[in-house]
Amino acid sequence: MASVKIDKTIHEKLARRAEEKGFKTTDEYINSVLDQIVKKIEREVWGPKKEQMSREEEERVKSRLRALGYIE
């Protein structure tokens, strides 16, 4: 397990919220919150990778670009 330094004021607020939410420890609550944030980042930022174009699709795009004079 890694350790992270947290500002005392923030830790006090998180400790109060952890108690309100019924967590056994502040660390447990902080880990829960961070887990939710990471899952959101995974969904919204890293999300599923878009598939790459097939060679056929790529050739069609290149052909269109050639016809329009953008590439030779």
N, C-alpha and C. Protein backbone atom coordinates (compact mmCIF):
# COMPACT_ATOMS: atom_id res chain seq x y z
N MET A 1 0.85 -1.18 0.00
CA MET A 1 0.00 0.00 0.00
C MET A 1 0.89 1.23 0.00
N ALA A 2 0.51 2.20 -0.82
CA ALA A 2 1.23 3.47 -0.90
C ALA A 2 0.66 4.46 0.11
N SER A 3 1.45 5.44 0.47
CA SER A 3 0.94 6.46 1.39
C SER A 3 0.94 7.80 0.66
N VAL A 4 -0.01 8.63 1.04
CA VAL A 4 -0.17 9.95 0.43
C VAL A 4 -0.37 10.97 1.55
N LYS A 5 0.28 12.10 1.43
CA LYS A 5 0.10 13.16 2.41
C LYS A 5 -1.12 13.98 2.03
N ILE A 6 -1.99 14.22 3.01
CA ILE A 6 -3.21 14.99 2.79
C ILE A 6 -3.22 16.16 3.77
N ASP A 7 -3.58 17.31 3.28
CA ASP A 7 -3.69 18.49 4.11
C ASP A 7 -4.58 18.17 5.32
N LYS A 8 -4.18 18.64 6.48
CA LYS A 8 -4.89 18.33 7.73
C LYS A 8 -6.37 18.74 7.67
N THR A 9 -6.64 19.92 7.14
CA THR A 9 -8.02 20.41 7.05
C THR A 9 -8.86 19.49 6.16
N ILE A 10 -8.31 19.09 5.04
CA ILE A 10 -9.03 18.20 4.13
C ILE A 10 -9.26 16.85 4.81
N HIS A 11 -8.24 16.35 5.47
CA HIS A 11 -8.37 15.06 6.16
C HIS A 11 -9.48 15.11 7.22
N GLU A 12 -9.55 16.21 7.94
CA GLU A 12 -10.60 16.35 8.97
C GLU A 12 -11.99 16.32 8.33
N LYS A 13 -12.14 17.00 7.21
CA LYS A 13 -13.43 17.00 6.51
C LYS A 13 -13.78 15.61 6.01
N LEU A 14 -12.78 14.92 5.46
CA LEU A 14 -13.00 13.56 4.97
C LEU A 14 -13.31 12.60 6.11
N ALA A 15 -12.66 12.80 7.24
CA ALA A 15 -12.92 11.96 8.41
C ALA A 15 -14.37 12.14 8.88
N ARG A 16 -14.82 13.38 8.88
CA ARG A 16 -16.20 13.66 9.29
C ARG A 16 -17.19 13.00 8.32
N ARG A 17 -16.90 13.11 7.02
CA ARG A 17 -17.78 12.52 6.01
C ARG A 17 -17.75 10.99 6.09
N ALA A 18 -16.58 10.42 6.34
CA ALA A 18 -16.46 8.97 6.47
C ALA A 18 -17.34 8.47 7.59
N GLU A 19 -17.34 9.19 8.69
CA GLU A 19 -18.17 8.82 9.83
C GLU A 19 -19.66 8.91 9.47
N GLU A 20 -20.03 10.00 8.79
CA GLU A 20 -21.43 10.18 8.37
C GLU A 20 -21.89 9.04 7.46
N LYS A 21 -21.00 8.56 6.61
CA LYS A 21 -21.33 7.53 5.64
C LYS A 21 -21.19 6.12 6.20
N GLY A 22 -20.71 6.00 7.44
CA GLY A 22 -20.62 4.70 8.09
C GLY A 22 -19.38 3.88 7.76
N PHE A 23 -18.35 4.53 7.27
CA PHE A 23 -17.09 3.82 7.01
C PHE A 23 -16.38 3.57 8.33
N LYS A 24 -15.66 2.46 8.40
CA LYS A 24 -14.94 2.11 9.62
C LYS A 24 -13.75 3.03 9.85
N THR A 25 -13.10 3.43 8.75
CA THR A 25 -11.93 4.31 8.86
C THR A 25 -11.98 5.39 7.79
N THR A 26 -11.24 6.45 8.03
CA THR A 26 -11.13 7.52 7.04
C THR A 26 -10.41 7.00 5.80
N ASP A 27 -9.38 6.18 6.00
CA ASP A 27 -8.65 5.61 4.87
C ASP A 27 -9.57 4.81 3.96
N GLU A 28 -10.47 4.05 4.56
CA GLU A 28 -11.41 3.25 3.78
C GLU A 28 -12.29 4.17 2.93
N TYR A 29 -12.74 5.25 3.51
CA TYR A 29 -13.58 6.21 2.78
C TYR A 29 -12.79 6.87 1.65
N ILE A 30 -11.59 7.32 1.93
CA ILE A 30 -10.76 7.97 0.92
C ILE A 30 -10.50 7.02 -0.24
N ASN A 31 -10.19 5.77 0.06
CA ASN A 31 -9.97 4.79 -1.01
C ASN A 31 -11.22 4.60 -1.85
N SER A 32 -12.38 4.60 -1.22
CA SER A 32 -13.64 4.45 -1.93
C SER A 32 -13.87 5.63 -2.88
N VAL A 33 -13.62 6.83 -2.39
CA VAL A 33 -13.79 8.03 -3.22
C VAL A 33 -12.81 8.01 -4.39
N LEU A 34 -11.56 7.70 -4.12
CA LEU A 34 -10.56 7.66 -5.19
C LEU A 34 -10.89 6.58 -6.21
N ASP A 35 -11.40 5.46 -5.76
CA ASP A 35 -11.79 4.39 -6.67
C ASP A 35 -12.89 4.88 -7.62
N GLN A 36 -13.86 5.60 -7.09
CA GLN A 36 -14.94 6.15 -7.93
C GLN A 36 -14.39 7.13 -8.96
N ILE A 37 -13.44 7.94 -8.55
CA ILE A 37 -12.84 8.91 -9.47
C ILE A 37 -12.07 8.21 -10.58
N VAL A 38 -11.28 7.20 -10.22
CA VAL A 38 -10.52 6.46 -11.22
C VAL A 38 -11.45 5.77 -12.21
N LYS A 39 -12.54 5.18 -11.73
CA LYS A 39 -13.50 4.53 -12.63
C LYS A 39 -14.12 5.53 -13.59
N LYS A 40 -14.39 6.74 -13.11
CA LYS A 40 -14.95 7.79 -13.97
C LYS A 40 -13.93 8.18 -15.04
N ILE A 41 -12.68 8.32 -14.66
CA ILE A 41 -11.62 8.66 -15.62
C ILE A 41 -11.50 7.55 -16.66
N GLU A 42 -11.54 6.30 -16.21
CA GLU A 42 -11.44 5.18 -17.14
C GLU A 42 -12.57 5.22 -18.17
N ARG A 43 -13.78 5.54 -17.71
CA ARG A 43 -14.94 5.60 -18.62
C ARG A 43 -14.86 6.79 -19.56
N GLU A 44 -14.61 7.97 -18.99
CA GLU A 44 -14.76 9.20 -19.76
C GLU A 44 -13.50 9.65 -20.50
N VAL A 45 -12.34 9.32 -19.96
CA VAL A 45 -11.10 9.78 -20.58
C VAL A 45 -10.42 8.67 -21.36
N TRP A 46 -10.22 7.55 -20.69
CA TRP A 46 -9.51 6.46 -21.34
C TRP A 46 -10.45 5.56 -22.13
N GLY A 47 -11.73 5.56 -21.77
CA GLY A 47 -12.78 4.79 -22.43
C GLY A 47 -12.33 3.76 -23.44
N PRO A 48 -13.29 3.09 -24.03
CA PRO A 48 -12.95 2.08 -25.03
C PRO A 48 -12.26 2.73 -26.22
N LYS A 49 -11.21 2.12 -26.65
CA LYS A 49 -10.46 2.63 -27.79
C LYS A 49 -11.29 2.43 -29.05
N LYS A 50 -11.26 3.44 -29.88
CA LYS A 50 -11.96 3.32 -31.16
C LYS A 50 -11.14 2.41 -32.05
N GLU A 51 -11.86 1.62 -32.81
CA GLU A 51 -11.19 0.69 -33.70
C GLU A 51 -10.46 1.45 -34.80
N GLN A 52 -9.34 0.89 -35.20
CA GLN A 52 -8.60 1.48 -36.30
C GLN A 52 -9.29 1.12 -37.60
N MET A 53 -9.03 1.93 -38.62
CA MET A 53 -9.60 1.65 -39.93
C MET A 53 -8.96 0.39 -40.51
N SER A 54 -9.76 -0.34 -41.23
CA SER A 54 -9.20 -1.49 -41.96
C SER A 54 -8.38 -0.93 -43.11
N ARG A 55 -7.57 -1.77 -43.71
CA ARG A 55 -6.76 -1.33 -44.86
C ARG A 55 -7.67 -0.86 -46.00
N GLU A 56 -8.78 -1.56 -46.17
CA GLU A 56 -9.73 -1.21 -47.23
C GLU A 56 -10.31 0.19 -46.99
N GLU A 57 -10.71 0.47 -45.73
CA GLU A 57 -11.25 1.79 -45.40
C GLU A 57 -10.20 2.88 -45.59
N GLU A 58 -8.98 2.56 -45.17
CA GLU A 58 -7.89 3.51 -45.33
C GLU A 58 -7.65 3.83 -46.79
N GLU A 59 -7.67 2.82 -47.64
CA GLU A 59 -7.45 3.02 -49.08
C GLU A 59 -8.58 3.86 -49.69
N ARG A 60 -9.82 3.65 -49.23
CA ARG A 60 -10.93 4.45 -49.74
C ARG A 60 -10.75 5.93 -49.37
N VAL A 61 -10.31 6.17 -48.14
CA VAL A 61 -10.09 7.56 -47.71
C VAL A 61 -8.96 8.18 -48.52
N LYS A 62 -7.88 7.44 -48.69
CA LYS A 62 -6.76 7.96 -49.48
C LYS A 62 -7.19 8.26 -50.91
N SER A 63 -8.00 7.38 -51.47
CA SER A 63 -8.49 7.57 -52.84
C SER A 63 -9.32 8.85 -52.93
N ARG A 64 -10.17 9.08 -51.96
CA ARG A 64 -10.98 10.30 -51.94
C ARG A 64 -10.10 11.54 -51.82
N LEU A 65 -9.10 11.46 -50.94
CA LEU A 65 -8.20 12.60 -50.76
C LEU A 65 -7.40 12.88 -52.03
N ARG A 66 -6.99 11.83 -52.73
CA ARG A 66 -6.27 12.00 -54.01
C ARG A 66 -7.19 12.69 -55.02
N ALA A 67 -8.44 12.20 -55.12
CA ALA A 67 -9.40 12.76 -56.06
C ALA A 67 -9.66 14.24 -55.78
N LEU A 68 -9.58 14.62 -54.52
CA LEU A 68 -9.80 16.01 -54.15
C LEU A 68 -8.52 16.85 -54.26
N GLY A 69 -7.40 16.20 -54.55
CA GLY A 69 -6.15 16.91 -54.71
C GLY A 69 -5.38 17.20 -53.43
N TYR A 70 -5.79 16.56 -52.35
CA TYR A 70 -5.10 16.80 -51.07
C TYR A 70 -3.82 16.00 -50.93
N ILE A 71 -3.76 14.84 -51.55
CA ILE A 71 -2.54 14.02 -51.51
C ILE A 71 -2.27 13.49 -52.91
N GLU A 72 -1.04 13.08 -53.14
CA GLU A 72 -0.67 12.52 -54.47
C GLU A 72 -0.55 11.03 -54.39
